[in-house]
Amino acid sequence: MNTTMNSYISNLNRIEFIVTSACTGRCKHCSEGGNKGTGEHINGAIAADMVRKVASRYAIKSVMTFGGEPLLYPDDVCMIHSAARDAGIPLRQVITNGFFSSDEAKIKKVAADLAESGVNDLLLSVDAFHQEFIPIEPVIIFAKAALEVQIPNFRVHPAWLAGRDADNPYNRKTHEILSVFSEMCIPSSDGNVIFAAGNALKYLSEYFDPDEEYENEYTEKQSDVVAISVKPNGDVLGGKIYKSDILDILQNYTPDDE
């Protein structure tokens, strides 16, 4: 393999894994929309090997697992974060809605496994949209378990409609839900403002200006890749980690417009 670093990838510092598109919610604000409760998921062993290889060549600062609902496949999530911890990657992040089981013993075990695997940044998605479909009781059990095993930097991570300070029924309900976790001494992140895509356009169109072209804040320049996102089927940057070595995929990457 050519050892000269691909200039399009030279600033790479973050790896994200969409563990699965399957989800336990049917949220009105979901930018994907229509996700099913079951489906394909990431191969944790291959993903962990990818983390080790990429970290050996690039100054990776963070690894994130999300979905869908990533904790439907906790063993794979833990393999990824164990590899990140062992590779010395400082930020190891999980975003979850906290509802992956109704079995209290299983919920507590998953929280303990996350802590043992080295997860040090846990974002729990709770708000009016998630709790419309997701029962809060098992989420609270998970939150208490995460506190008990002392996962560092544990926060709730709400979605806001039209901005955090906007006054609408959804945001008022979200503030009410957040108060439950505030009483448990769980802080809140700034959260994120709902992007006009997927279910959000379908169910919340009245809150978006039809004449405005909304820009996705998560879109980055193809010619200066800072973060790579791996899909459940292994797709990343035009390659597939189940078929090709990730370092070859990175080395051979060129932007679509080149």
Protein backbone atom coordinates (compact mmCIF):
# COMPACT_ATOMS: atom_id res chain seq x y z
CA MET A 1 0.00 0.00 0.00
CA ASN A 2 1.17 3.54 -0.78
CA THR A 3 2.39 5.08 2.48
CA THR A 4 1.85 8.68 1.32
CA MET A 5 -1.20 10.02 3.16
CA ASN A 6 -4.22 10.89 1.03
CA SER A 7 -4.47 14.70 1.20
CA TYR A 8 -8.28 14.54 1.29
CA ILE A 9 -8.13 12.50 4.51
CA SER A 10 -5.10 14.06 6.23
CA ASN A 11 -7.23 15.90 8.84
CA LEU A 12 -9.30 12.86 9.79
CA ASN A 13 -9.86 12.84 13.57
CA ARG A 14 -13.27 11.22 14.17
CA ILE A 15 -14.92 7.87 13.43
CA GLU A 16 -18.67 7.35 13.65
CA PHE A 17 -20.56 4.08 13.45
CA ILE A 18 -24.25 3.89 12.61
CA VAL A 19 -24.61 0.63 14.51
CA THR A 20 -28.06 -0.08 13.09
CA SER A 21 -30.91 1.76 11.45
CA ALA A 22 -33.35 -0.28 13.53
CA CYS A 23 -34.97 1.75 16.28
CA THR A 24 -37.36 1.33 19.19
CA GLY A 25 -38.94 4.72 18.51
CA ARG A 26 -41.03 6.19 15.71
CA CYS A 27 -40.17 9.82 16.37
CA LYS A 28 -41.90 12.59 14.43
CA HIS A 29 -38.65 14.57 14.27
CA CYS A 30 -36.45 11.76 12.91
CA SER A 31 -34.46 12.90 9.88
CA GLU A 32 -34.39 9.30 8.59
CA GLY A 33 -38.04 8.43 9.03
CA GLY A 34 -39.72 5.03 8.84
CA ASN A 35 -37.02 3.01 10.63
CA LYS A 36 -38.07 -0.50 11.60
CA GLY A 37 -37.56 -2.24 14.92
CA THR A 38 -35.17 -4.80 13.47
CA GLY A 39 -32.56 -4.77 10.74
CA GLU A 40 -28.94 -5.05 9.71
CA HIS A 41 -26.30 -4.09 12.26
CA ILE A 42 -22.59 -3.40 12.31
CA ASN A 43 -20.14 -6.28 12.78
CA GLY A 44 -18.45 -5.29 16.03
CA ALA A 45 -15.31 -7.36 15.52
CA ILE A 46 -14.62 -5.91 12.06
CA ALA A 47 -15.49 -2.40 13.26
CA ALA A 48 -13.11 -2.77 16.22
CA ASP A 49 -10.33 -3.88 13.88
CA MET A 50 -11.04 -0.82 11.74
CA VAL A 51 -10.70 1.45 14.78
CA ARG A 52 -7.32 -0.03 15.65
CA LYS A 53 -6.02 0.34 12.09
CA VAL A 54 -7.23 3.91 11.58
CA ALA A 55 -5.92 5.01 14.99
CA SER A 56 -2.50 3.61 14.08
CA ARG A 57 -2.26 6.01 11.13
CA TYR A 58 -4.36 9.05 12.07
CA ALA A 59 -4.70 11.26 15.16
CA ILE A 60 -8.22 10.10 16.03
CA LYS A 61 -9.76 12.14 18.83
CA SER A 62 -13.21 10.56 19.07
CA VAL A 63 -15.30 7.50 18.25
CA MET A 64 -19.08 7.63 18.35
CA THR A 65 -21.72 4.90 18.09
CA PHE A 66 -25.34 5.75 17.37
CA GLY A 67 -28.28 4.63 15.25
CA GLY A 68 -31.19 3.89 15.08
CA GLU A 69 -30.87 2.50 18.56
CA PRO A 70 -27.28 1.24 18.99
CA LEU A 71 -27.91 -0.60 22.26
CA LEU A 72 -30.10 -3.12 20.48
CA TYR A 73 -26.63 -4.57 19.77
CA PRO A 74 -24.65 -3.77 22.93
CA ASP A 75 -21.92 -6.38 22.41
CA ASP A 76 -20.93 -4.78 19.10
CA VAL A 77 -20.99 -1.31 20.65
CA CYS A 78 -18.75 -2.45 23.48
CA MET A 79 -16.26 -4.10 21.11
CA ILE A 80 -15.91 -0.82 19.23
CA HIS A 81 -15.35 1.25 22.36
CA SER A 82 -12.96 -1.24 23.93
CA ALA A 83 -10.82 -0.97 20.80
CA ALA A 84 -11.01 2.83 20.95
CA ARG A 85 -9.99 2.83 24.62
CA ASP A 86 -7.06 0.48 23.97
CA ALA A 87 -5.96 2.65 21.02
CA GLY A 88 -5.83 5.69 23.28
CA ILE A 89 -8.69 7.56 21.59
CA PRO A 90 -9.76 10.11 24.23
CA LEU A 91 -13.48 10.60 23.49
CA ARG A 92 -15.65 7.47 23.31
CA GLN A 93 -19.28 8.41 22.81
CA VAL A 94 -22.64 6.66 22.67
CA ILE A 95 -25.94 8.30 21.72
CA THR A 96 -28.96 6.22 22.80
CA ASN A 97 -32.65 6.66 23.51
CA GLY A 98 -32.20 4.34 26.49
CA PHE A 99 -34.95 1.93 25.45
CA PHE A 100 -33.50 -1.33 24.20
CA SER A 101 -35.04 -3.73 26.73
CA SER A 102 -37.73 -3.89 29.41
CA ASP A 103 -35.72 -6.42 31.44
CA GLU A 104 -34.21 -4.54 34.39
CA ALA A 105 -31.36 -7.04 34.81
CA LYS A 106 -30.39 -6.70 31.14
CA ILE A 107 -30.62 -2.90 31.28
CA LYS A 108 -28.25 -2.80 34.26
CA LYS A 109 -25.84 -5.24 32.62
CA VAL A 110 -25.64 -3.15 29.45
CA ALA A 111 -24.87 -0.03 31.49
CA ALA A 112 -22.12 -1.89 33.35
CA ASP A 113 -20.71 -3.28 30.08
CA LEU A 114 -20.60 0.21 28.56
CA ALA A 115 -18.64 1.49 31.54
CA GLU A 116 -16.25 -1.46 31.41
CA SER A 117 -15.67 -0.99 27.67
CA GLY A 118 -14.47 2.55 28.24
CA VAL A 119 -17.44 4.66 27.14
CA ASN A 120 -16.80 8.08 28.66
CA ASP A 121 -19.43 10.26 27.00
CA LEU A 122 -23.04 9.06 27.16
CA LEU A 123 -25.82 11.08 25.56
CA LEU A 124 -29.37 10.01 26.42
CA SER A 125 -31.98 11.24 23.94
CA VAL A 126 -35.08 12.23 25.88
CA ASP A 127 -37.64 14.80 24.79
CA ALA A 128 -41.24 15.20 23.69
CA PHE A 129 -40.58 13.31 20.45
CA HIS A 130 -38.89 10.25 21.94
CA GLN A 131 -41.31 9.96 24.86
CA GLU A 132 -44.34 10.06 22.58
CA PHE A 133 -43.47 6.47 21.64
CA ILE A 134 -40.88 5.33 24.19
CA PRO A 135 -41.96 4.55 27.78
CA ILE A 136 -39.96 6.59 30.25
CA GLU A 137 -39.78 3.90 32.97
CA PRO A 138 -37.07 1.68 31.37
CA VAL A 139 -35.19 4.82 30.32
CA ILE A 140 -35.10 5.93 33.95
CA ILE A 141 -33.84 2.47 34.98
CA PHE A 142 -31.04 2.80 32.42
CA ALA A 143 -30.24 6.34 33.58
CA LYS A 144 -29.99 5.22 37.22
CA ALA A 145 -27.78 2.30 36.18
CA ALA A 146 -25.48 4.62 34.21
CA LEU A 147 -25.15 6.81 37.27
CA GLU A 148 -24.43 3.81 39.48
CA VAL A 149 -21.61 2.51 37.28
CA GLN A 150 -20.29 6.08 37.01
CA ILE A 151 -20.10 6.51 33.26
CA PRO A 152 -18.29 9.85 32.89
CA ASN A 153 -19.91 12.83 31.20
CA PHE A 154 -23.43 11.39 31.22
CA ARG A 155 -26.05 13.86 29.98
CA VAL A 156 -29.54 13.95 28.57
CA HIS A 157 -29.57 15.16 24.97
CA PRO A 158 -32.90 16.67 23.86
CA ALA A 159 -34.12 17.70 20.43
CA TRP A 160 -35.59 21.19 20.18
CA LEU A 161 -38.14 22.33 17.64
CA ALA A 162 -37.35 25.72 16.06
CA GLY A 163 -34.66 26.34 18.69
CA ARG A 164 -34.28 25.79 22.43
CA ASP A 165 -35.96 29.08 23.31
CA ALA A 166 -38.90 28.67 20.94
CA ASP A 167 -42.28 28.42 22.65
CA ASN A 168 -44.27 25.53 21.22
CA PRO A 169 -46.08 22.48 22.67
CA TYR A 170 -43.18 20.13 21.89
CA ASN A 171 -40.55 22.25 23.62
CA ARG A 172 -42.77 22.77 26.65
CA LYS A 173 -43.22 19.00 26.96
CA THR A 174 -39.47 18.50 26.57
CA HIS A 175 -38.75 20.88 29.44
CA GLU A 176 -41.22 18.90 31.57
CA ILE A 177 -39.48 15.60 30.73
CA LEU A 178 -36.01 17.03 31.37
CA SER A 179 -37.07 18.06 34.88
CA VAL A 180 -37.40 14.35 35.77
CA PHE A 181 -33.74 13.78 34.95
CA SER A 182 -32.66 17.06 36.51
CA GLU A 183 -34.10 15.78 39.81
CA MET A 184 -31.75 12.78 39.37
CA CYS A 185 -28.86 15.27 39.05
CA ILE A 186 -28.29 14.36 35.40
CA PRO A 187 -27.26 17.46 33.45
CA SER A 188 -28.52 18.35 29.99
CA SER A 189 -26.49 19.04 26.88
CA ASP A 190 -27.50 21.92 24.61
CA GLY A 191 -29.21 19.25 22.53
CA ASN A 192 -29.81 19.76 18.85
CA VAL A 193 -32.26 21.73 16.75
CA ILE A 194 -34.44 19.54 14.55
CA PHE A 195 -33.38 19.48 10.90
CA ALA A 196 -36.03 19.73 8.19
CA ALA A 197 -35.80 16.24 6.70
CA GLY A 198 -37.50 12.82 6.85
CA ASN A 199 -40.29 12.57 9.40
CA ALA A 200 -39.74 16.18 10.49
CA LEU A 201 -40.89 17.45 7.10
CA LYS A 202 -43.77 14.98 7.10
CA TYR A 203 -45.16 15.64 10.58
CA LEU A 204 -43.78 19.05 11.62
CA SER A 205 -43.93 21.00 8.35
CA GLU A 206 -45.91 23.84 9.95
CA TYR A 207 -42.78 24.76 11.94
CA PHE A 208 -40.57 25.15 8.85
CA ASP A 209 -40.57 27.90 6.26
CA PRO A 210 -41.44 26.27 2.89
CA ASP A 211 -39.46 28.97 1.05
CA GLU A 212 -36.28 28.47 3.07
CA GLU A 213 -33.59 26.05 1.96
CA TYR A 214 -32.35 24.37 5.13
CA GLU A 215 -28.68 23.43 5.31
CA ASN A 216 -27.67 20.29 7.18
CA GLU A 217 -25.14 21.39 9.80
CA TYR A 218 -23.59 17.91 9.80
CA THR A 219 -22.54 18.06 6.15
CA GLU A 220 -18.81 18.47 5.71
CA LYS A 221 -16.49 19.20 2.80
CA GLN A 222 -15.79 16.11 0.70
CA SER A 223 -12.31 17.44 -0.09
CA ASP A 224 -11.34 17.77 3.59
CA VAL A 225 -12.69 14.77 5.47
CA VAL A 226 -12.56 15.26 9.24
CA ALA A 227 -15.05 12.54 10.23
CA ILE A 228 -15.98 9.26 8.58
CA SER A 229 -19.30 7.53 9.17
CA VAL A 230 -19.65 3.77 8.72
CA LYS A 231 -23.09 2.39 7.86
CA PRO A 232 -24.48 -0.85 9.30
CA ASN A 233 -23.61 -2.67 6.05
CA GLY A 234 -19.99 -1.53 6.33
CA ASP A 235 -20.16 1.18 3.68
CA VAL A 236 -17.79 4.13 4.12
CA LEU A 237 -16.31 6.59 1.63
CA GLY A 238 -17.30 4.49 -1.37
CA GLY A 239 -15.83 1.28 0.05
CA LYS A 240 -17.00 -1.49 2.38
CA ILE A 241 -15.03 -2.54 5.46
CA TYR A 242 -16.35 -6.11 5.16
CA LYS A 243 -14.63 -6.49 1.79
CA SER A 244 -11.65 -4.10 1.81
CA ASP A 245 -9.00 -2.95 4.27
CA ILE A 246 -10.05 0.40 5.74
CA LEU A 247 -6.58 1.88 5.15
CA ASP A 248 -6.90 1.04 1.45
CA ILE A 249 -10.36 2.64 1.38
CA LEU A 250 -8.96 5.81 2.92
CA GLN A 251 -5.95 5.85 0.66
CA ASN A 252 -8.04 5.44 -2.51
CA TYR A 253 -10.75 7.94 -1.61
CA THR A 254 -11.46 10.84 -3.96
CA PRO A 255 -14.37 13.30 -3.70
CA ASP A 256 -17.32 12.77 -6.03
CA ASP A 257 -16.70 16.08 -7.75
CA GLU A 258 -13.04 15.41 -8.54
